[in-house]
Amino acid sequence: MSQPNPGAVLRGAVDLSALRNKPAAGAPGAPGDAPAPGQAAATVPSLVMDVTDASFGQVLELSRTVPVVVDLWAEWCGPCKQLSPVIEKVVRELAGRVVLAKVDVDANPQLAQAFRAQSIPLVVALVGGQPVPLFTGAVPEQQVREVFAQLLQVAAQNGVTGTVAVDGAPESEQGAEAAEPALPPLHAEAFEAIEAGDYARAIAAYEKALAENPRDEDARAGLGQVRLLDRVQGVDLQAARDAAAANPQDVDAQLAVADLDIAGGHVDDAFDRLLDLFAALPGDERAPVRERLLELFGLVGDADPRVIRARGRLSSLLF
């Protein structure tokens, strides 16, 4: 994790100039009359908003009023699905002092390139139109809170001390949005365990949920994600790659690197590695590789083009 500080602003390394557009009238961050003391400096449709290549210029302007946290994610990214709800929760609790901009990197390649998102989840802040690195990968809720507290200090040092109000929300709800429906008890237990870094307990909770309801697709997806987090926790990336390179047909070594690639967003690399291994192994040694491939297919999503491609190749190797 990078600690946010003014000296760490990625000038030159991240070029956002091409994404800077003048905000439309009435858009978040658009110039207007100065707010009265004690009032919010701007209004936004929500404290958590989806942004695109086309709309990102408005977010840059908004960051001159209030720090904007940018969460770069993708639908297929398991760690993203663990981290994003944590970030959203902390942002809402900060009551308008921070806004969250969510960027789907698959749908917004210009932003992904601008932020050099080599792996996701990638979380960056914008302060006064300039990016400040926060962290890469899923992190516990307590760490998110600590980093956001540091971000507010950095913002204050740079004169960004405003707040925003949610457009149309009653005064009693400004800075906070409607609570999401409560999670089922076993799902809630799993999330609590994940936040505590207790992946074994989270796995057990999701397994119990599936035993009670085999059609619980949220539990199935959560189980796959937390199993991946459990497998990659504490693994040294370079040591794992060295071991896999030295032993091309070592199933455990190749599975470990494939897990790390999936966690880092390198989906095609993971699938190609395991499919190449599957093709090279004798028939009686293939089962663990096939099982891991099927698990990762489910994690990324059956409708994802990369899964469709890899599943087609697996079928050809099987038959």
Protein backbone atom coordinates (compact mmCIF):
# COMPACT_ATOMS: atom_id res chain seq x y z
CA MET A 1 0.00 0.00 0.00
CA SER A 2 1.21 3.49 -0.83
CA GLN A 3 0.77 6.02 1.91
CA PRO A 4 -0.93 9.13 0.47
CA ASN A 5 1.18 12.24 0.69
CA PRO A 6 1.56 15.33 -1.51
CA GLY A 7 4.98 14.20 -2.72
CA ALA A 8 3.52 10.96 -3.99
CA VAL A 9 1.22 12.64 -6.51
CA LEU A 10 1.76 10.84 -9.80
CA ARG A 11 2.61 13.84 -11.96
CA GLY A 12 3.78 12.54 -15.32
CA ALA A 13 3.20 8.91 -14.39
CA VAL A 14 -0.57 9.32 -14.72
CA ASP A 15 -1.71 11.70 -17.45
CA LEU A 16 -5.32 12.76 -16.96
CA SER A 17 -5.17 15.81 -19.22
CA ALA A 18 -7.01 14.11 -22.09
CA LEU A 19 -9.90 13.31 -19.77
CA ARG A 20 -10.40 16.86 -18.52
CA ASN A 21 -13.63 18.30 -19.89
CA LYS A 22 -15.48 21.39 -18.79
CA PRO A 23 -18.37 20.29 -16.57
CA ALA A 24 -21.83 20.82 -17.94
CA ALA A 25 -24.03 23.38 -16.28
CA GLY A 26 -25.38 21.95 -13.07
CA ALA A 27 -22.91 19.05 -13.15
CA PRO A 28 -21.05 18.09 -9.98
CA GLY A 29 -18.19 20.50 -9.53
CA ALA A 30 -19.52 23.04 -12.02
CA PRO A 31 -18.71 26.63 -11.08
CA GLY A 32 -21.49 28.46 -9.30
CA ASP A 33 -22.21 30.82 -6.47
CA ALA A 34 -20.12 30.30 -3.39
CA PRO A 35 -21.96 28.34 -0.70
CA ALA A 36 -23.11 30.00 2.48
CA PRO A 37 -21.14 29.11 5.60
CA GLY A 38 -22.09 25.73 6.95
CA GLN A 39 -23.64 24.58 3.68
CA ALA A 40 -22.32 21.89 1.38
CA ALA A 41 -20.10 23.27 -1.40
CA ALA A 42 -21.62 21.08 -4.14
CA THR A 43 -24.38 18.62 -4.78
CA VAL A 44 -23.99 15.17 -6.32
CA PRO A 45 -26.57 12.57 -7.37
CA SER A 46 -24.98 10.07 -5.00
CA LEU A 47 -21.91 9.70 -2.81
CA VAL A 48 -21.11 6.60 -4.87
CA MET A 49 -21.26 7.10 -8.63
CA ASP A 50 -20.30 5.19 -11.75
CA VAL A 51 -18.11 7.26 -14.05
CA THR A 52 -16.99 6.76 -17.62
CA ASP A 53 -14.30 7.97 -19.98
CA ALA A 54 -16.74 10.66 -21.14
CA SER A 55 -17.88 11.89 -17.71
CA PHE A 56 -14.58 11.75 -15.85
CA GLY A 57 -13.79 15.42 -16.47
CA GLN A 58 -16.62 16.35 -14.10
CA VAL A 59 -15.07 14.16 -11.41
CA LEU A 60 -11.74 15.93 -11.83
CA GLU A 61 -13.44 19.26 -11.27
CA LEU A 62 -15.34 17.93 -8.25
CA SER A 63 -12.00 16.92 -6.69
CA ARG A 64 -11.19 20.62 -6.28
CA THR A 65 -14.00 20.75 -3.71
CA VAL A 66 -13.81 17.35 -2.03
CA PRO A 67 -11.43 14.37 -2.31
CA VAL A 68 -12.66 11.83 -4.86
CA VAL A 69 -11.73 8.18 -4.38
CA VAL A 70 -11.50 6.29 -7.68
CA ASP A 71 -12.14 2.54 -7.49
CA LEU A 72 -10.99 0.77 -10.67
CA TRP A 73 -12.72 -2.61 -10.87
CA ALA A 74 -14.19 -5.21 -13.23
CA GLU A 75 -17.10 -7.64 -13.04
CA TRP A 76 -14.80 -10.66 -13.30
CA CYS A 77 -12.47 -9.49 -10.52
CA GLY A 78 -13.10 -11.45 -7.30
CA PRO A 79 -11.02 -9.22 -4.99
CA CYS A 80 -12.87 -6.20 -6.41
CA LYS A 81 -16.17 -7.66 -5.23
CA GLN A 82 -14.73 -8.02 -1.74
CA LEU A 83 -13.18 -4.55 -1.58
CA SER A 84 -15.79 -2.33 -3.26
CA PRO A 85 -18.54 -2.77 -0.61
CA VAL A 86 -16.00 -1.91 2.10
CA ILE A 87 -14.98 1.29 0.31
CA GLU A 88 -18.61 2.26 -0.29
CA LYS A 89 -19.44 1.74 3.39
CA VAL A 90 -16.56 3.92 4.59
CA VAL A 91 -17.31 6.65 2.03
CA ARG A 92 -20.95 6.88 3.15
CA GLU A 93 -19.91 7.05 6.78
CA LEU A 94 -17.71 10.07 6.00
CA ALA A 95 -20.92 12.03 5.35
CA GLY A 96 -20.03 13.98 2.23
CA ARG A 97 -16.38 14.65 3.00
CA VAL A 98 -15.34 12.12 0.31
CA VAL A 99 -17.00 10.95 -2.92
CA LEU A 100 -16.46 7.58 -4.57
CA ALA A 101 -16.13 7.26 -8.36
CA LYS A 102 -16.35 3.67 -9.62
CA VAL A 103 -14.65 2.86 -12.94
CA ASP A 104 -15.33 -0.39 -14.80
CA VAL A 105 -11.98 -0.86 -16.55
CA ASP A 106 -13.43 -3.14 -19.23
CA ALA A 107 -16.00 -0.53 -20.29
CA ASN A 108 -13.63 2.45 -19.91
CA PRO A 109 -10.26 1.58 -21.45
CA GLN A 110 -9.11 5.21 -21.64
CA LEU A 111 -9.35 5.58 -17.87
CA ALA A 112 -7.71 2.20 -17.29
CA GLN A 113 -4.81 3.31 -19.50
CA ALA A 114 -4.58 6.74 -17.90
CA PHE A 115 -4.27 5.23 -14.42
CA ARG A 116 -1.97 2.45 -15.71
CA ALA A 117 -4.16 -0.16 -14.10
CA GLN A 118 -1.92 -3.19 -14.53
CA SER A 119 -3.82 -5.03 -11.80
CA ILE A 120 -7.10 -4.45 -10.02
CA PRO A 121 -8.65 -3.53 -7.71
CA LEU A 122 -6.70 -0.29 -7.92
CA VAL A 123 -7.77 2.60 -5.68
CA VAL A 124 -6.53 6.12 -6.31
CA ALA A 125 -7.66 9.46 -4.91
CA LEU A 126 -8.04 12.76 -6.73
CA VAL A 127 -7.19 15.89 -4.76
CA GLY A 128 -7.40 19.20 -6.60
CA GLY A 129 -7.43 17.39 -9.92
CA GLN A 130 -4.25 15.45 -9.16
CA PRO A 131 -4.06 11.68 -8.49
CA VAL A 132 -2.73 10.32 -5.21
CA PRO A 133 -2.10 6.54 -4.97
CA LEU A 134 -3.87 4.72 -2.16
CA PHE A 135 -3.65 0.93 -2.52
CA THR A 136 -3.79 -2.01 -4.90
CA GLY A 137 -5.62 -5.24 -4.10
CA ALA A 138 -8.19 -6.10 -1.46
CA VAL A 139 -7.38 -4.71 2.01
CA PRO A 140 -9.19 -4.99 5.37
CA GLU A 141 -11.77 -2.39 6.39
CA GLN A 142 -9.56 -1.02 9.16
CA GLN A 143 -6.80 -0.33 6.68
CA VAL A 144 -9.25 1.41 4.35
CA ARG A 145 -10.32 3.65 7.25
CA GLU A 146 -6.72 4.49 8.12
CA VAL A 147 -5.83 5.37 4.54
CA PHE A 148 -8.94 7.53 4.13
CA ALA A 149 -8.08 9.39 7.34
CA GLN A 150 -4.65 10.13 5.88
CA LEU A 151 -6.29 11.19 2.61
CA LEU A 152 -8.40 13.79 4.41
CA GLN A 153 -5.24 15.17 6.01
CA VAL A 154 -3.55 15.41 2.61
CA ALA A 155 -6.62 17.10 1.16
CA ALA A 156 -6.66 19.66 3.99
CA GLN A 157 -2.97 20.40 3.42
CA ASN A 158 -3.83 21.14 -0.21
CA GLY A 159 -6.85 23.32 0.58
CA VAL A 160 -9.50 20.77 -0.40
CA THR A 161 -11.80 20.86 2.61
CA GLY A 162 -15.32 21.06 1.17
CA THR A 163 -18.24 18.71 1.54
CA VAL A 164 -21.01 17.61 -0.81
CA ALA A 165 -24.72 17.03 -0.37
CA VAL A 166 -26.76 14.36 -2.11
CA ASP A 167 -29.11 16.05 -4.58
CA GLY A 168 -32.73 15.71 -3.51
CA ALA A 169 -32.04 13.93 -0.22
CA PRO A 170 -33.75 15.25 2.94
CA GLU A 171 -31.51 17.30 5.20
CA SER A 172 -31.51 14.50 7.76
CA GLU A 173 -30.06 12.15 5.15
CA GLN A 174 -27.40 14.44 3.68
CA GLY A 175 -24.07 12.69 3.66
CA ALA A 176 -25.71 9.31 4.15
CA GLU A 177 -27.79 7.22 1.78
CA ALA A 178 -30.46 4.62 2.28
CA ALA A 179 -29.15 1.56 3.99
CA GLU A 180 -28.81 -1.56 1.85
CA PRO A 181 -30.94 -4.58 2.72
CA ALA A 182 -29.45 -6.65 5.50
CA LEU A 183 -27.37 -9.61 4.39
CA PRO A 184 -28.50 -13.14 5.27
CA PRO A 185 -26.84 -14.18 8.55
CA LEU A 186 -24.31 -16.57 7.01
CA HIS A 187 -23.36 -14.03 4.35
CA ALA A 188 -22.94 -11.39 7.03
CA GLU A 189 -20.76 -13.77 9.01
CA ALA A 190 -18.63 -14.37 5.91
CA PHE A 191 -18.17 -10.64 5.27
CA GLU A 192 -17.24 -10.04 8.91
CA ALA A 193 -14.67 -12.85 8.70
CA ILE A 194 -13.23 -11.47 5.45
CA GLU A 195 -12.82 -8.02 7.00
CA ALA A 196 -10.98 -9.69 9.89
CA GLY A 197 -8.76 -11.63 7.48
CA ASP A 198 -10.19 -14.92 8.74
CA TYR A 199 -10.72 -16.60 5.39
CA ALA A 200 -11.18 -20.08 6.87
CA ARG A 201 -14.23 -18.86 8.82
CA ALA A 202 -15.58 -17.08 5.75
CA ILE A 203 -15.20 -20.26 3.68
CA ALA A 204 -17.03 -22.25 6.35
CA ALA A 205 -19.89 -19.72 6.42
CA TYR A 206 -20.33 -19.78 2.65
CA GLU A 207 -20.14 -23.58 2.57
CA LYS A 208 -22.84 -23.75 5.21
CA ALA A 209 -24.99 -21.31 3.23
CA LEU A 210 -24.65 -23.51 0.14
CA ALA A 211 -25.45 -26.62 2.13
CA GLU A 212 -28.67 -24.95 3.26
CA ASN A 213 -29.49 -23.61 -0.21
CA PRO A 214 -27.54 -25.12 -3.15
CA ARG A 215 -29.08 -22.46 -5.43
CA ASP A 216 -27.57 -19.56 -3.49
CA GLU A 217 -25.47 -18.11 -6.32
CA ASP A 218 -24.22 -15.23 -4.17
CA ALA A 219 -22.82 -17.73 -1.68
CA ARG A 220 -21.28 -19.76 -4.51
CA ALA A 221 -19.61 -16.66 -5.96
CA GLY A 222 -18.46 -15.52 -2.52
CA LEU A 223 -17.02 -18.94 -1.77
CA GLY A 224 -14.96 -18.91 -4.95
CA GLN A 225 -13.68 -15.40 -4.22
CA VAL A 226 -12.70 -16.09 -0.63
CA ARG A 227 -11.03 -19.38 -1.53
CA LEU A 228 -8.89 -17.46 -3.98
CA LEU A 229 -8.05 -14.84 -1.35
CA ASP A 230 -7.13 -17.61 1.07
CA ARG A 231 -4.84 -19.30 -1.44
CA VAL A 232 -2.94 -16.14 -2.42
CA GLN A 233 -2.64 -14.70 1.10
CA GLY A 234 1.02 -14.32 2.01
CA VAL A 235 2.33 -15.88 -1.22
CA ASP A 236 5.51 -14.31 -2.57
CA LEU A 237 4.79 -13.53 -6.22
CA GLN A 238 8.37 -13.68 -7.47
CA ALA A 239 9.15 -16.89 -5.59
CA ALA A 240 5.98 -18.48 -6.96
CA ARG A 241 6.87 -17.49 -10.53
CA ASP A 242 10.41 -18.76 -10.13
CA ALA A 243 9.15 -22.13 -8.85
CA ALA A 244 6.69 -22.43 -11.73
CA ALA A 245 9.35 -21.55 -14.31
CA ALA A 246 11.75 -24.12 -12.85
CA ASN A 247 9.07 -26.87 -12.80
CA PRO A 248 6.77 -26.48 -15.82
CA GLN A 249 4.74 -29.60 -15.00
CA ASP A 250 4.54 -29.11 -11.23
CA VAL A 251 0.79 -28.83 -10.78
CA ASP A 252 0.87 -27.04 -7.42
CA ALA A 253 3.42 -24.50 -8.65
CA GLN A 254 1.40 -23.70 -11.77
CA LEU A 255 -1.87 -23.49 -9.84
CA ALA A 256 -0.29 -21.01 -7.44
CA VAL A 257 0.80 -18.66 -10.22
CA ALA A 258 -2.56 -18.94 -11.97
CA ASP A 259 -4.27 -17.89 -8.72
CA LEU A 260 -1.96 -14.89 -8.42
CA ASP A 261 -2.66 -13.92 -12.03
CA ILE A 262 -6.42 -14.05 -11.47
CA ALA A 263 -6.10 -12.01 -8.27
CA GLY A 264 -4.03 -9.45 -10.17
CA GLY A 265 -6.46 -9.24 -13.08
CA HIS A 266 -4.35 -11.19 -15.60
CA VAL A 267 -7.16 -13.52 -16.55
CA ASP A 268 -5.93 -14.69 -19.96
CA ASP A 269 -2.46 -15.44 -18.55
CA ALA A 270 -3.98 -17.63 -15.83
CA PHE A 271 -6.22 -19.55 -18.22
CA ASP A 272 -3.45 -20.05 -20.79
CA ARG A 273 -1.05 -21.31 -18.13
CA LEU A 274 -3.50 -23.91 -16.85
CA LEU A 275 -4.66 -24.97 -20.31
CA ASP A 276 -1.06 -25.45 -21.45
CA LEU A 277 -0.41 -27.49 -18.32
CA PHE A 278 -3.57 -29.54 -18.88
CA ALA A 279 -2.47 -30.33 -22.43
CA ALA A 280 1.01 -31.41 -21.30
CA LEU A 281 -0.04 -33.70 -18.43
CA PRO A 282 -0.88 -37.41 -18.66
CA GLY A 283 -4.61 -38.10 -18.49
CA ASP A 284 -4.54 -39.41 -14.93
CA GLU A 285 -2.90 -36.21 -13.61
CA ARG A 286 -5.26 -33.69 -15.20
CA ALA A 287 -8.15 -33.68 -12.73
CA PRO A 288 -6.81 -31.02 -10.30
CA VAL A 289 -6.08 -28.65 -13.19
CA ARG A 290 -9.54 -29.13 -14.69
CA GLU A 291 -11.18 -28.56 -11.30
CA ARG A 292 -9.23 -25.33 -10.75
CA LEU A 293 -10.09 -24.11 -14.24
CA LEU A 294 -13.79 -24.70 -13.64
CA GLU A 295 -13.57 -22.88 -10.30
CA LEU A 296 -11.85 -19.91 -11.91
CA PHE A 297 -14.36 -19.88 -14.78
CA GLY A 298 -17.11 -19.47 -12.20
CA LEU A 299 -15.17 -16.74 -10.44
CA VAL A 300 -14.66 -14.68 -13.59
CA GLY A 301 -18.16 -15.34 -14.94
CA ASP A 302 -19.50 -17.76 -17.54
CA ALA A 303 -20.53 -14.93 -19.88
CA ASP A 304 -17.06 -13.37 -19.96
CA PRO A 305 -15.47 -13.72 -23.44
CA ARG A 306 -12.21 -14.94 -21.88
CA VAL A 307 -14.06 -17.73 -20.10
CA ILE A 308 -15.92 -18.68 -23.27
CA ARG A 309 -12.62 -18.86 -25.16
CA ALA A 310 -10.86 -20.87 -22.47
CA ARG A 311 -13.82 -23.21 -21.98
CA GLY A 312 -13.82 -23.91 -25.72
CA ARG A 313 -10.14 -24.83 -25.65
CA LEU A 314 -10.65 -27.03 -22.59
CA SER A 315 -13.43 -28.88 -24.39
CA SER A 316 -11.20 -29.47 -27.39
CA LEU A 317 -8.48 -30.86 -25.13
CA LEU A 318 -10.96 -33.16 -23.40
CA PHE A 319 -12.49 -34.53 -26.56
